[in-house]
Amino acid sequence: MFDRLFWKLAAERAVKSFAQTALVVWGADAANVFTLDIKQGVGTALAAALLSVLTSVASEPWGPEGDPSVVNG
């Protein structure tokens, strides 16, 4: 169920979510859309990464075996 490949793919998704969120926060701060300090920005990005892992775990029963996705590739 939760084998090494599953966690590797889930970690990849979480890292991508972290990076995407960090870029959005950084970009929004640069554009004066809103302002967050570095701790708040990192915290927001970490929350996105955690949500990504939780989504992968919740998706596991419905997708291909050993894959954190619900979509068959």
N, C-alpha and C. Protein backbone atom coordinates (compact mmCIF):
# COMPACT_ATOMS: atom_id res chain seq x y z
N MET A 1 0.82 -1.19 0.00
CA MET A 1 0.00 0.00 0.00
C MET A 1 0.87 1.26 0.00
N PHE A 2 1.53 1.54 1.10
CA PHE A 2 2.38 2.73 1.17
C PHE A 2 3.84 2.28 1.04
N ASP A 3 4.23 1.93 -0.16
CA ASP A 3 5.59 1.47 -0.37
C ASP A 3 6.52 2.65 -0.67
N ARG A 4 7.76 2.33 -0.95
CA ARG A 4 8.77 3.36 -1.19
C ARG A 4 8.42 4.25 -2.37
N LEU A 5 7.91 3.67 -3.45
CA LEU A 5 7.54 4.45 -4.62
C LEU A 5 6.42 5.44 -4.29
N PHE A 6 5.44 5.00 -3.52
CA PHE A 6 4.35 5.89 -3.12
C PHE A 6 4.91 7.12 -2.43
N TRP A 7 5.78 6.93 -1.42
CA TRP A 7 6.31 8.06 -0.66
C TRP A 7 7.23 8.93 -1.51
N LYS A 8 7.94 8.31 -2.45
CA LYS A 8 8.79 9.09 -3.36
C LYS A 8 7.92 10.01 -4.23
N LEU A 9 6.84 9.48 -4.78
CA LEU A 9 5.94 10.28 -5.60
C LEU A 9 5.21 11.33 -4.77
N ALA A 10 4.79 10.97 -3.56
CA ALA A 10 4.12 11.92 -2.68
C ALA A 10 5.07 13.05 -2.29
N ALA A 11 6.32 12.71 -2.02
CA ALA A 11 7.32 13.73 -1.67
C ALA A 11 7.57 14.67 -2.84
N GLU A 12 7.61 14.12 -4.05
CA GLU A 12 7.79 14.97 -5.24
C GLU A 12 6.65 15.98 -5.34
N ARG A 13 5.43 15.52 -5.15
CA ARG A 13 4.27 16.41 -5.21
C ARG A 13 4.34 17.47 -4.10
N ALA A 14 4.76 17.07 -2.92
CA ALA A 14 4.85 18.01 -1.80
C ALA A 14 5.91 19.08 -2.04
N VAL A 15 7.05 18.68 -2.59
CA VAL A 15 8.11 19.65 -2.91
C VAL A 15 7.62 20.63 -3.97
N LYS A 16 6.92 20.13 -4.97
CA LYS A 16 6.37 21.02 -6.00
C LYS A 16 5.36 21.99 -5.40
N SER A 17 4.50 21.51 -4.52
CA SER A 17 3.51 22.38 -3.87
C SER A 17 4.20 23.44 -3.02
N PHE A 18 5.25 23.04 -2.30
CA PHE A 18 6.01 23.99 -1.49
C PHE A 18 6.60 25.08 -2.39
N ALA A 19 7.26 24.68 -3.47
CA ALA A 19 7.91 25.64 -4.36
C ALA A 19 6.89 26.56 -5.02
N GLN A 20 5.79 26.01 -5.49
CA GLN A 20 4.76 26.83 -6.13
C GLN A 20 4.19 27.85 -5.16
N THR A 21 3.90 27.43 -3.94
CA THR A 21 3.34 28.34 -2.95
C THR A 21 4.35 29.41 -2.57
N ALA A 22 5.60 29.01 -2.39
CA ALA A 22 6.64 29.98 -2.05
C ALA A 22 6.78 31.03 -3.15
N LEU A 23 6.72 30.61 -4.41
CA LEU A 23 6.81 31.56 -5.52
C LEU A 23 5.61 32.50 -5.57
N VAL A 24 4.43 31.98 -5.29
CA VAL A 24 3.24 32.84 -5.28
C VAL A 24 3.34 33.86 -4.15
N VAL A 25 3.75 33.41 -2.97
CA VAL A 25 3.87 34.33 -1.83
C VAL A 25 4.93 35.38 -2.14
N TRP A 26 6.06 34.97 -2.66
CA TRP A 26 7.14 35.90 -3.00
C TRP A 26 6.68 36.88 -4.08
N GLY A 27 6.01 36.37 -5.10
CA GLY A 27 5.52 37.23 -6.18
C GLY A 27 4.45 38.20 -5.72
N ALA A 28 3.55 37.73 -4.88
CA ALA A 28 2.48 38.60 -4.37
C ALA A 28 3.07 39.68 -3.47
N ASP A 29 4.08 39.33 -2.71
CA ASP A 29 4.73 40.32 -1.86
C ASP A 29 5.45 41.36 -2.72
N ALA A 30 6.12 40.92 -3.77
CA ALA A 30 6.83 41.85 -4.65
C ALA A 30 5.87 42.77 -5.39
N ALA A 31 4.68 42.27 -5.69
CA ALA A 31 3.68 43.08 -6.39
C ALA A 31 2.80 43.89 -5.43
N ASN A 32 3.14 43.84 -4.15
CA ASN A 32 2.39 44.55 -3.11
C ASN A 32 0.92 44.12 -3.04
N VAL A 33 0.63 42.87 -3.40
CA VAL A 33 -0.72 42.34 -3.25
C VAL A 33 -0.99 42.10 -1.76
N PHE A 34 -0.03 41.51 -1.08
CA PHE A 34 -0.06 41.39 0.37
C PHE A 34 1.38 41.24 0.84
N THR A 35 1.59 41.42 2.11
CA THR A 35 2.95 41.37 2.64
C THR A 35 3.03 40.33 3.75
N LEU A 36 3.98 39.43 3.62
CA LEU A 36 4.26 38.43 4.65
C LEU A 36 5.76 38.46 4.93
N ASP A 37 6.13 38.24 6.19
CA ASP A 37 7.56 38.11 6.46
C ASP A 37 8.00 36.71 6.05
N ILE A 38 9.28 36.46 6.12
CA ILE A 38 9.83 35.19 5.64
C ILE A 38 9.25 34.00 6.42
N LYS A 39 9.06 34.14 7.72
CA LYS A 39 8.51 33.03 8.52
C LYS A 39 7.09 32.71 8.08
N GLN A 40 6.29 33.72 7.82
CA GLN A 40 4.91 33.49 7.38
C GLN A 40 4.90 32.86 5.99
N GLY A 41 5.80 33.31 5.13
CA GLY A 41 5.87 32.73 3.78
C GLY A 41 6.27 31.27 3.79
N VAL A 42 7.29 30.95 4.59
CA VAL A 42 7.73 29.56 4.70
C VAL A 42 6.64 28.72 5.35
N GLY A 43 5.98 29.27 6.36
CA GLY A 43 4.89 28.55 7.02
C GLY A 43 3.75 28.24 6.06
N THR A 44 3.42 29.20 5.22
CA THR A 44 2.38 28.99 4.22
C THR A 44 2.79 27.90 3.23
N ALA A 45 4.03 27.95 2.78
CA ALA A 45 4.52 26.94 1.84
C ALA A 45 4.57 25.56 2.48
N LEU A 46 4.97 25.49 3.76
CA LEU A 46 4.98 24.20 4.46
C LEU A 46 3.57 23.65 4.63
N ALA A 47 2.61 24.53 4.89
CA ALA A 47 1.22 24.09 5.00
C ALA A 47 0.74 23.50 3.68
N ALA A 48 1.12 24.13 2.57
CA ALA A 48 0.75 23.60 1.26
C ALA A 48 1.38 22.23 1.02
N ALA A 49 2.63 22.06 1.43
CA ALA A 49 3.30 20.77 1.28
C ALA A 49 2.61 19.70 2.13
N LEU A 50 2.24 20.05 3.36
CA LEU A 50 1.53 19.11 4.22
C LEU A 50 0.19 18.72 3.62
N LEU A 51 -0.53 19.69 3.10
CA LEU A 51 -1.81 19.38 2.45
C LEU A 51 -1.62 18.48 1.24
N SER A 52 -0.53 18.67 0.53
CA SER A 52 -0.23 17.81 -0.61
C SER A 52 -0.02 16.36 -0.16
N VAL A 53 0.74 16.16 0.91
CA VAL A 53 0.96 14.80 1.44
C VAL A 53 -0.35 14.18 1.90
N LEU A 54 -1.16 14.96 2.61
CA LEU A 54 -2.45 14.44 3.07
C LEU A 54 -3.36 14.09 1.90
N THR A 55 -3.33 14.88 0.85
CA THR A 55 -4.12 14.58 -0.35
C THR A 55 -3.62 13.30 -1.01
N SER A 56 -2.31 13.12 -1.05
CA SER A 56 -1.76 11.88 -1.62
C SER A 56 -2.20 10.66 -0.82
N VAL A 57 -2.17 10.75 0.50
CA VAL A 57 -2.58 9.63 1.35
C VAL A 57 -4.07 9.35 1.15
N ALA A 58 -4.87 10.40 1.09
CA ALA A 58 -6.31 10.22 0.90
C ALA A 58 -6.65 9.68 -0.48
N SER A 59 -5.82 9.96 -1.48
CA SER A 59 -6.08 9.53 -2.85
C SER A 59 -5.65 8.10 -3.12
N GLU A 60 -4.78 7.56 -2.29
CA GLU A 60 -4.17 6.25 -2.55
C GLU A 60 -5.18 5.13 -2.80
N PRO A 61 -6.27 5.03 -2.06
CA PRO A 61 -7.20 3.90 -2.29
C PRO A 61 -7.90 3.94 -3.65
N TRP A 62 -7.99 5.09 -4.28
CA TRP A 62 -8.76 5.19 -5.52
C TRP A 62 -7.91 5.19 -6.78
N GLY A 63 -6.64 5.45 -6.68
CA GLY A 63 -5.79 5.51 -7.87
C GLY A 63 -5.10 4.19 -8.13
N PRO A 64 -4.14 4.22 -9.03
CA PRO A 64 -3.35 3.02 -9.30
C PRO A 64 -2.61 2.58 -8.04
N GLU A 65 -2.43 1.30 -7.88
CA GLU A 65 -1.78 0.76 -6.69
C GLU A 65 -0.38 1.34 -6.52
N GLY A 66 -0.09 1.83 -5.32
CA GLY A 66 1.22 2.38 -5.02
C GLY A 66 1.47 3.76 -5.56
N ASP A 67 0.43 4.43 -6.04
CA ASP A 67 0.56 5.76 -6.64
C ASP A 67 -0.34 6.73 -5.88
N PRO A 68 0.19 7.90 -5.51
CA PRO A 68 -0.63 8.85 -4.76
C PRO A 68 -1.60 9.67 -5.63
N SER A 69 -1.81 9.24 -6.84
CA SER A 69 -2.70 9.95 -7.75
C SER A 69 -4.01 9.17 -7.91
N VAL A 70 -5.10 9.87 -8.22
CA VAL A 70 -6.36 9.20 -8.51
C VAL A 70 -6.52 8.96 -10.01
N VAL A 71 -5.56 9.42 -10.78
CA VAL A 71 -5.64 9.33 -12.24
C VAL A 71 -4.77 8.18 -12.73
N ASN A 72 -5.34 7.31 -13.52
CA ASN A 72 -4.54 6.25 -14.14
C ASN A 72 -3.75 6.85 -15.28
N GLY A 73 -2.44 6.58 -15.28
CA GLY A 73 -1.56 7.17 -16.28
C GLY A 73 -1.55 6.40 -17.52
